[in-house]
Amino acid sequence: MGQALWRLPPRQQQQLQEELADHLAESGGGKRDPGRDGGGAQRRAPQHCYSPDIYHLLKTRRGKEQHGFIDLEMLPPELGITILSYLNATDLCLAGCVWQDLGHDEYLWQGLCKSTWGHCSIYNKRLPAGFSYRRLYLQLDEGCLTFNANPQEGISYFMSKGILVDHPTELAKFIFYTRRLNWKMLRIYLDERRDVLDELVTLHNFSNQFLPNALREFFRHIHAPEERGEYLETLITKFSHRFCACNPGLVRDLGLSPDAVYVLCYSLILLSIDLTSPHVKNKMSKREFIRNTRRAAHNVSEDFVGHLYDNIYLIGHVAA
């Protein structure tokens, strides 16, 4: 951060925050009436164990009866940055108009970038002189807006700025660790880039997950198409192989295979539509679901199929 930070132990930071809260209460409510306290007892004075300079600063502010929050630039830089770290990008820009040094601190903007876009190729590169995470945040935001209008142009923008590398694994990680991309545009892009889709599927870990819950998690990252078609079949096929690869013990104990999981996934999707759609008058019963599913997946036990029905009935659609 370009300057030596005054580090305070956590206990002292907590006490300092309590002191600031006391200051705000007194400055906002005026002088306290001793008669309002129970039996006129005096309010217990807080114990001050932090630096005399900070205590003197707070005491001076109280003496002047100033209203509003204390000037962050008068606090140790580390404490001021900790307070501003709770702001989003818009509020941090506004804070930068008041506290320019703190509001433009690279540590804060780096945290915002990595919390919003968990993976970018540029994070693993050696950053050039004069690099700014604040500028990177604006570029990432601009790139996402471009992607949500045109996926190919958005990816090209990221590559032109050196943010992403044109490699399926890098692109898949970028998509997996961000929620700023429009799911409809993302579906179009993944339908065109099957190599990126393959890498994206391998990033999911379905170990020790019940099949309907794993399918829900999968469709939260890779949204299912609205209509049945080749793309939906591709998604379920890739999911089935990945689920079996993550659960070899379950596959062995229950006698599952990628083909059996594929059939079960389609059964779960159809059951989800049947139970949740207001247009379906006669809902499928548990007995009917077990009978229909076991006709297609002979090796799956009746108890396991029954648990699948219960999950959909209690939790809801797998692709909602």
Protein backbone atom coordinates (compact mmCIF):
# COMPACT_ATOMS: atom_id res chain seq x y z
CA MET A 1 0.00 0.00 0.00
CA GLY A 2 3.02 2.24 -0.28
CA GLN A 3 3.20 3.14 3.38
CA ALA A 4 3.88 1.51 6.71
CA LEU A 5 0.66 0.44 8.38
CA TRP A 6 -0.03 0.87 12.05
CA ARG A 7 -1.15 -2.62 13.00
CA LEU A 8 -3.43 -3.05 16.00
CA PRO A 9 -4.31 -6.31 17.74
CA PRO A 10 -7.89 -7.53 17.11
CA ARG A 11 -8.94 -6.78 20.71
CA GLN A 12 -7.77 -3.19 20.41
CA GLN A 13 -9.52 -2.79 17.05
CA GLN A 14 -12.77 -4.05 18.58
CA GLN A 15 -12.50 -1.66 21.49
CA LEU A 16 -11.77 1.17 19.11
CA GLN A 17 -14.92 0.34 17.14
CA GLU A 18 -16.95 0.35 20.38
CA GLU A 19 -15.49 3.74 21.20
CA LEU A 20 -16.50 5.04 17.77
CA ALA A 21 -20.02 3.70 18.29
CA ASP A 22 -20.22 5.47 21.66
CA HIS A 23 -19.09 8.66 19.99
CA LEU A 24 -21.78 8.42 17.30
CA ALA A 25 -24.49 7.73 19.90
CA GLU A 26 -23.53 10.74 22.00
CA SER A 27 -23.08 13.11 19.07
CA GLY A 28 -26.40 12.08 17.50
CA GLY A 29 -28.49 12.10 20.64
CA GLY A 30 -27.02 15.09 22.41
CA LYS A 31 -26.12 15.05 26.10
CA ARG A 32 -27.47 12.18 28.08
CA ASP A 33 -29.94 12.86 30.86
CA PRO A 34 -28.64 11.19 34.05
CA GLY A 35 -32.23 10.74 35.20
CA ARG A 36 -32.97 8.40 32.27
CA ASP A 37 -30.44 5.85 33.43
CA GLY A 38 -31.74 3.39 35.98
CA GLY A 39 -31.34 4.93 39.47
CA GLY A 40 -29.18 7.73 38.09
CA ALA A 41 -26.24 5.36 37.87
CA GLN A 42 -23.40 6.65 35.80
CA ARG A 43 -22.56 4.90 32.56
CA ARG A 44 -19.54 2.68 32.91
CA ALA A 45 -16.53 4.24 31.26
CA PRO A 46 -14.91 1.97 28.67
CA GLN A 47 -11.47 0.66 29.36
CA HIS A 48 -8.89 2.10 26.99
CA CYS A 49 -5.99 -0.16 26.18
CA TYR A 50 -5.06 1.17 22.77
CA SER A 51 -2.53 3.84 21.84
CA PRO A 52 -2.79 7.21 23.68
CA ASP A 53 -2.74 9.01 20.33
CA ILE A 54 -5.94 7.28 19.16
CA TYR A 55 -7.62 7.86 22.51
CA HIS A 56 -6.60 11.51 22.42
CA LEU A 57 -8.06 11.79 18.92
CA LEU A 58 -11.41 10.39 20.03
CA LYS A 59 -11.43 12.52 23.17
CA THR A 60 -10.72 15.66 21.14
CA ARG A 61 -13.58 14.87 18.78
CA ARG A 62 -15.95 14.49 21.72
CA GLY A 63 -14.83 17.73 23.24
CA LYS A 64 -15.57 19.61 20.03
CA GLU A 65 -19.03 17.98 19.87
CA GLN A 66 -18.63 17.31 16.16
CA HIS A 67 -21.39 15.40 14.46
CA GLY A 68 -21.01 12.58 11.94
CA PHE A 69 -18.47 9.86 11.53
CA ILE A 70 -14.84 10.43 12.38
CA ASP A 71 -12.50 11.32 9.49
CA LEU A 72 -11.02 8.03 8.27
CA GLU A 73 -7.76 9.70 7.32
CA MET A 74 -7.21 10.50 11.00
CA LEU A 75 -7.26 6.80 11.84
CA PRO A 76 -4.45 4.31 11.21
CA PRO A 77 -4.49 3.46 7.48
CA GLU A 78 -5.15 -0.23 8.12
CA LEU A 79 -8.29 0.52 10.12
CA GLY A 80 -9.58 2.98 7.53
CA ILE A 81 -9.06 0.43 4.76
CA THR A 82 -10.83 -2.25 6.81
CA ILE A 83 -13.88 0.01 7.13
CA LEU A 84 -13.94 0.80 3.40
CA SER A 85 -13.53 -2.86 2.47
CA TYR A 86 -17.24 -3.40 3.23
CA LEU A 87 -18.27 -1.06 0.38
CA ASN A 88 -19.14 -2.08 -3.15
CA ALA A 89 -17.51 -0.49 -6.19
CA THR A 90 -20.02 2.34 -6.53
CA ASP A 91 -19.81 3.38 -2.87
CA LEU A 92 -16.04 3.06 -2.93
CA CYS A 93 -15.86 5.47 -5.86
CA LEU A 94 -17.97 7.93 -3.86
CA ALA A 95 -15.77 7.43 -0.81
CA GLY A 96 -12.77 8.19 -3.02
CA CYS A 97 -14.16 11.68 -3.55
CA VAL A 98 -13.84 12.30 0.20
CA TRP A 99 -10.82 10.18 1.13
CA GLN A 100 -8.81 10.07 -2.09
CA ASP A 101 -5.83 8.10 -0.80
CA LEU A 102 -7.98 5.49 0.92
CA GLY A 103 -10.68 5.30 -1.76
CA HIS A 104 -8.12 4.61 -4.49
CA ASP A 105 -6.11 2.09 -2.47
CA GLU A 106 -5.05 -0.84 -4.64
CA TYR A 107 -5.68 -3.35 -1.85
CA LEU A 108 -9.40 -2.49 -1.81
CA TRP A 109 -9.82 -2.68 -5.58
CA GLN A 110 -7.89 -5.93 -5.74
CA GLY A 111 -10.33 -7.43 -3.23
CA LEU A 112 -13.31 -6.22 -5.26
CA CYS A 113 -11.90 -7.70 -8.47
CA LYS A 114 -11.17 -11.10 -6.99
CA SER A 115 -14.43 -11.33 -5.03
CA THR A 116 -16.50 -10.53 -8.15
CA TRP A 117 -14.41 -12.35 -10.75
CA GLY A 118 -12.77 -15.21 -8.91
CA HIS A 119 -10.44 -16.20 -11.74
CA CYS A 120 -8.77 -14.21 -14.49
CA SER A 121 -5.64 -15.10 -16.40
CA ILE A 122 -4.12 -11.74 -15.53
CA TYR A 123 -4.10 -12.64 -11.83
CA ASN A 124 -1.34 -15.17 -12.49
CA LYS A 125 0.78 -12.88 -14.64
CA ARG A 126 3.54 -10.56 -13.58
CA LEU A 127 1.82 -7.20 -13.40
CA PRO A 128 3.46 -4.35 -15.35
CA ALA A 129 4.54 -1.08 -13.80
CA GLY A 130 1.65 1.31 -13.28
CA PHE A 131 -0.92 -1.49 -13.17
CA SER A 132 -4.17 -0.47 -11.48
CA TYR A 133 -6.75 -2.84 -10.03
CA ARG A 134 -9.25 -0.01 -10.13
CA ARG A 135 -8.82 0.22 -13.90
CA LEU A 136 -8.98 -3.58 -14.12
CA TYR A 137 -12.32 -3.56 -12.29
CA LEU A 138 -13.74 -1.10 -14.80
CA GLN A 139 -12.45 -3.20 -17.69
CA LEU A 140 -13.96 -6.38 -16.23
CA ASP A 141 -17.28 -4.65 -15.75
CA GLU A 142 -17.19 -3.30 -19.30
CA GLY A 143 -16.29 -6.74 -20.64
CA CYS A 144 -19.22 -8.39 -18.86
CA LEU A 145 -21.64 -5.82 -20.26
CA THR A 146 -20.23 -6.49 -23.72
CA PHE A 147 -20.52 -10.26 -23.23
CA ASN A 148 -24.16 -9.92 -22.14
CA ALA A 149 -24.87 -8.19 -25.45
CA ASN A 150 -22.61 -10.33 -27.66
CA PRO A 151 -20.65 -13.25 -26.16
CA GLN A 152 -17.96 -13.40 -28.84
CA GLU A 153 -17.28 -9.67 -28.65
CA GLY A 154 -17.14 -9.87 -24.86
CA ILE A 155 -14.51 -12.64 -24.86
CA SER A 156 -12.55 -10.78 -27.54
CA TYR A 157 -12.59 -7.68 -25.36
CA PHE A 158 -11.16 -9.60 -22.38
CA MET A 159 -8.41 -11.02 -24.56
CA SER A 160 -7.55 -7.66 -26.10
CA LYS A 161 -7.00 -6.23 -22.61
CA GLY A 162 -4.86 -9.20 -21.56
CA ILE A 163 -7.40 -10.23 -18.94
CA LEU A 164 -8.02 -13.72 -20.37
CA VAL A 165 -6.00 -16.19 -22.40
CA ASP A 166 -7.65 -18.02 -25.28
CA HIS A 167 -7.47 -21.45 -23.67
CA PRO A 168 -10.51 -23.62 -22.80
CA THR A 169 -9.39 -24.16 -19.20
CA GLU A 170 -8.84 -20.45 -18.55
CA LEU A 171 -12.16 -19.50 -20.12
CA ALA A 172 -13.99 -22.22 -18.18
CA LYS A 173 -12.52 -21.06 -14.86
CA PHE A 174 -13.49 -17.47 -15.61
CA ILE A 175 -17.09 -18.53 -16.31
CA PHE A 176 -17.24 -20.85 -13.30
CA TYR A 177 -16.10 -18.25 -10.76
CA THR A 178 -18.24 -15.30 -11.82
CA ARG A 179 -21.98 -14.59 -11.69
CA ARG A 180 -21.94 -11.42 -13.80
CA LEU A 181 -22.60 -13.16 -17.14
CA ASN A 182 -26.12 -13.38 -18.54
CA TRP A 183 -27.17 -17.03 -18.52
CA LYS A 184 -28.87 -16.84 -21.93
CA MET A 185 -25.77 -15.41 -23.58
CA LEU A 186 -23.64 -17.91 -21.71
CA ARG A 187 -25.75 -20.77 -23.03
CA ILE A 188 -25.25 -19.52 -26.59
CA TYR A 189 -21.50 -19.27 -26.06
CA LEU A 190 -21.15 -22.73 -24.51
CA ASP A 191 -23.23 -24.26 -27.28
CA GLU A 192 -20.67 -22.89 -29.76
CA ARG A 193 -17.58 -23.65 -27.65
CA ARG A 194 -17.96 -27.28 -26.64
CA ASP A 195 -14.29 -27.42 -25.62
CA VAL A 196 -14.98 -24.76 -22.97
CA LEU A 197 -18.10 -26.66 -21.90
CA ASP A 198 -16.05 -29.82 -21.38
CA GLU A 199 -13.62 -27.99 -19.10
CA LEU A 200 -16.47 -26.28 -17.26
CA VAL A 201 -18.08 -29.63 -16.44
CA THR A 202 -14.83 -30.98 -14.99
CA LEU A 203 -14.70 -28.07 -12.52
CA HIS A 204 -17.77 -29.43 -10.72
CA ASN A 205 -17.27 -31.76 -7.80
CA PHE A 206 -20.30 -33.96 -7.12
CA SER A 207 -18.65 -36.22 -4.55
CA ASN A 208 -21.05 -37.58 -1.90
CA GLN A 209 -24.00 -35.64 -3.32
CA PHE A 210 -27.46 -37.06 -3.86
CA LEU A 211 -28.24 -37.20 -7.56
CA PRO A 212 -31.06 -34.57 -7.66
CA ASN A 213 -29.02 -32.14 -5.56
CA ALA A 214 -25.99 -32.58 -7.82
CA LEU A 215 -28.18 -31.97 -10.86
CA ARG A 216 -29.53 -28.77 -9.29
CA GLU A 217 -26.01 -27.52 -8.63
CA PHE A 218 -25.01 -28.35 -12.21
CA PHE A 219 -27.93 -26.41 -13.69
CA ARG A 220 -27.22 -23.43 -11.43
CA HIS A 221 -23.88 -22.99 -13.19
CA ILE A 222 -24.92 -24.20 -16.64
CA HIS A 223 -28.54 -23.30 -17.22
CA ALA A 224 -30.68 -25.87 -18.96
CA PRO A 225 -32.28 -24.86 -22.27
CA GLU A 226 -35.96 -24.14 -22.27
CA GLU A 227 -36.71 -26.80 -24.87
CA ARG A 228 -35.54 -30.35 -25.25
CA GLY A 229 -32.91 -30.74 -27.94
CA GLU A 230 -29.38 -31.76 -28.77
CA TYR A 231 -27.82 -29.26 -26.36
CA LEU A 232 -29.83 -30.59 -23.39
CA GLU A 233 -28.84 -34.15 -24.29
CA THR A 234 -25.20 -33.06 -24.41
CA LEU A 235 -25.44 -31.46 -20.97
CA ILE A 236 -27.04 -34.50 -19.36
CA THR A 237 -24.53 -36.84 -21.00
CA LYS A 238 -21.58 -34.81 -19.69
CA PHE A 239 -23.18 -34.55 -16.26
CA SER A 240 -23.78 -38.31 -16.10
CA HIS A 241 -20.14 -39.13 -16.82
CA ARG A 242 -18.90 -36.50 -14.35
CA PHE A 243 -21.26 -37.69 -11.60
CA CYS A 244 -20.06 -41.28 -11.98
CA ALA A 245 -16.42 -40.16 -12.00
CA CYS A 246 -16.94 -38.25 -8.72
CA ASN A 247 -18.78 -41.13 -6.99
CA PRO A 248 -17.05 -44.42 -7.84
CA GLY A 249 -18.19 -46.00 -4.56
CA LEU A 250 -21.83 -45.11 -5.14
CA VAL A 251 -21.64 -46.38 -8.71
CA ARG A 252 -20.23 -49.68 -7.48
CA ASP A 253 -22.69 -50.15 -4.60
CA LEU A 254 -25.83 -49.22 -6.53
CA GLY A 255 -24.77 -50.67 -9.86
CA LEU A 256 -25.04 -47.31 -11.62
CA SER A 257 -23.47 -46.42 -14.94
CA PRO A 258 -23.38 -43.22 -17.02
CA ASP A 259 -26.25 -44.58 -19.12
CA ALA A 260 -28.33 -45.33 -16.01
CA VAL A 261 -27.63 -41.86 -14.58
CA TYR A 262 -28.62 -40.38 -17.94
CA VAL A 263 -32.00 -42.13 -17.75
CA LEU A 264 -32.50 -41.07 -14.13
CA CYS A 265 -31.73 -37.43 -14.98
CA TYR A 266 -34.36 -37.36 -17.68
CA SER A 267 -36.83 -39.01 -15.31
CA LEU A 268 -36.09 -36.34 -12.70
CA ILE A 269 -36.61 -33.52 -15.19
CA LEU A 270 -39.92 -34.96 -16.37
CA LEU A 271 -41.04 -35.55 -12.79
CA SER A 272 -40.09 -31.98 -11.88
CA ILE A 273 -42.26 -30.63 -14.68
CA ASP A 274 -45.12 -32.95 -13.73
CA LEU A 275 -45.13 -32.00 -10.04
CA THR A 276 -44.51 -28.26 -10.41
CA SER A 277 -46.50 -27.35 -13.50
CA PRO A 278 -49.95 -25.89 -12.78
CA HIS A 279 -51.15 -27.20 -16.16
CA VAL A 280 -50.76 -30.84 -15.14
CA LYS A 281 -53.95 -31.87 -13.36
CA ASN A 282 -53.17 -35.48 -12.53
CA LYS A 283 -49.79 -35.56 -10.80
CA MET A 284 -47.59 -38.61 -11.10
CA SER A 285 -47.66 -40.76 -8.00
CA LYS A 286 -44.62 -42.24 -6.35
CA ARG A 287 -45.63 -45.73 -7.39
CA GLU A 288 -46.02 -44.67 -11.03
CA PHE A 289 -42.62 -42.96 -11.02
CA ILE A 290 -40.90 -46.02 -9.60
CA ARG A 291 -42.57 -48.31 -12.13
CA ASN A 292 -41.80 -46.11 -15.14
CA THR A 293 -38.19 -45.44 -14.11
CA ARG A 294 -37.31 -49.05 -13.39
CA ARG A 295 -38.57 -50.05 -16.82
CA ALA A 296 -35.77 -47.96 -18.32
CA ALA A 297 -33.15 -48.51 -15.59
CA HIS A 298 -33.45 -52.14 -14.53
CA ASN A 299 -30.42 -52.25 -12.22
CA VAL A 300 -31.57 -49.36 -10.00
CA SER A 301 -33.21 -50.40 -6.76
CA GLU A 302 -36.79 -49.49 -5.93
CA ASP A 303 -35.76 -47.76 -2.69
CA PHE A 304 -33.28 -45.50 -4.50
CA VAL A 305 -35.86 -44.46 -7.08
CA GLY A 306 -38.34 -43.79 -4.28
CA HIS A 307 -35.86 -41.45 -2.58
CA LEU A 308 -35.48 -39.60 -5.88
CA TYR A 309 -39.24 -39.00 -5.97
CA ASP A 310 -39.27 -37.77 -2.37
CA ASN A 311 -36.49 -35.28 -3.12
CA ILE A 312 -38.35 -33.71 -6.03
CA TYR A 313 -41.64 -33.70 -4.13
CA LEU A 314 -40.12 -31.93 -1.09
CA ILE A 315 -37.49 -29.64 -2.64
CA GLY A 316 -38.78 -28.92 -6.13
CA HIS A 317 -37.59 -28.67 -9.72
CA VAL A 318 -34.04 -29.79 -10.52
CA ALA A 319 -33.60 -27.18 -13.25
CA ALA A 320 -35.55 -24.22 -11.86
